């Protein structure tokens, strides 16, 4: 548990657990169901992160809290910060403004000419870079999505030819060799911080430390790769 009060409860979701029941999975295995069973109270889902992503998830404890949180997300009054390990050399800061459309098999992709698509903006900032003499590079990025589209950060990094490490949907198969021996094999994306203004003007801030398997991945990169820049 990261935080709770009379209105909300916030948890550090582990990778591999869905926020709501999956269509083809056990309906009892989800963040919401497990929390409701443990706490003996109904909870309202406000937002979701991918099953394979770890980090902050906030749920509402009342219909009223659900409404104001939904309004805040809809009006983009929520600031989110993710940490992503990307397969590429991405120094400095950049903004990716690429509209997205739904694709087959639950995926998303950049909109083509004339397709329209949903406006999607993510700000990326370099935190650390590693490289090898063979030319491969990995960048640890801070990602701040200004919109909340399906798989937004994952698709935006793929559009930069720098997919998130171990991304089963948008990663490159050619990356497998360069990551041999890594102590982590799941989507290397973590929801680190969520900040939202309450109706009374106070600000709710919830943070989740980098997951243990991603900490181990960073340690492996420090030990096996050279620092770049």
Foldseek 3Di string as FASTA:
>chain_A
DFDDDQWKDKDWFAAQFWQADDPPDDRCTHVQNVVCVVVVAHWAFQDTDDNRATGIGMITRDPVSSVVSNVCQVVLQKKWKKKFKWWDDDAAKDKQWFFWDADPPRRIEGDDPPRDHHTWMKIKGFDFKWADPVGIIITIIIIITSHDDRCRVQRSCLVVVIGTALDPPRDDPVCVVVCPPAQDRTGRMYGAKMWHADPVGDIDITGDPRDPSNVSRVVCRPVPTHTDD
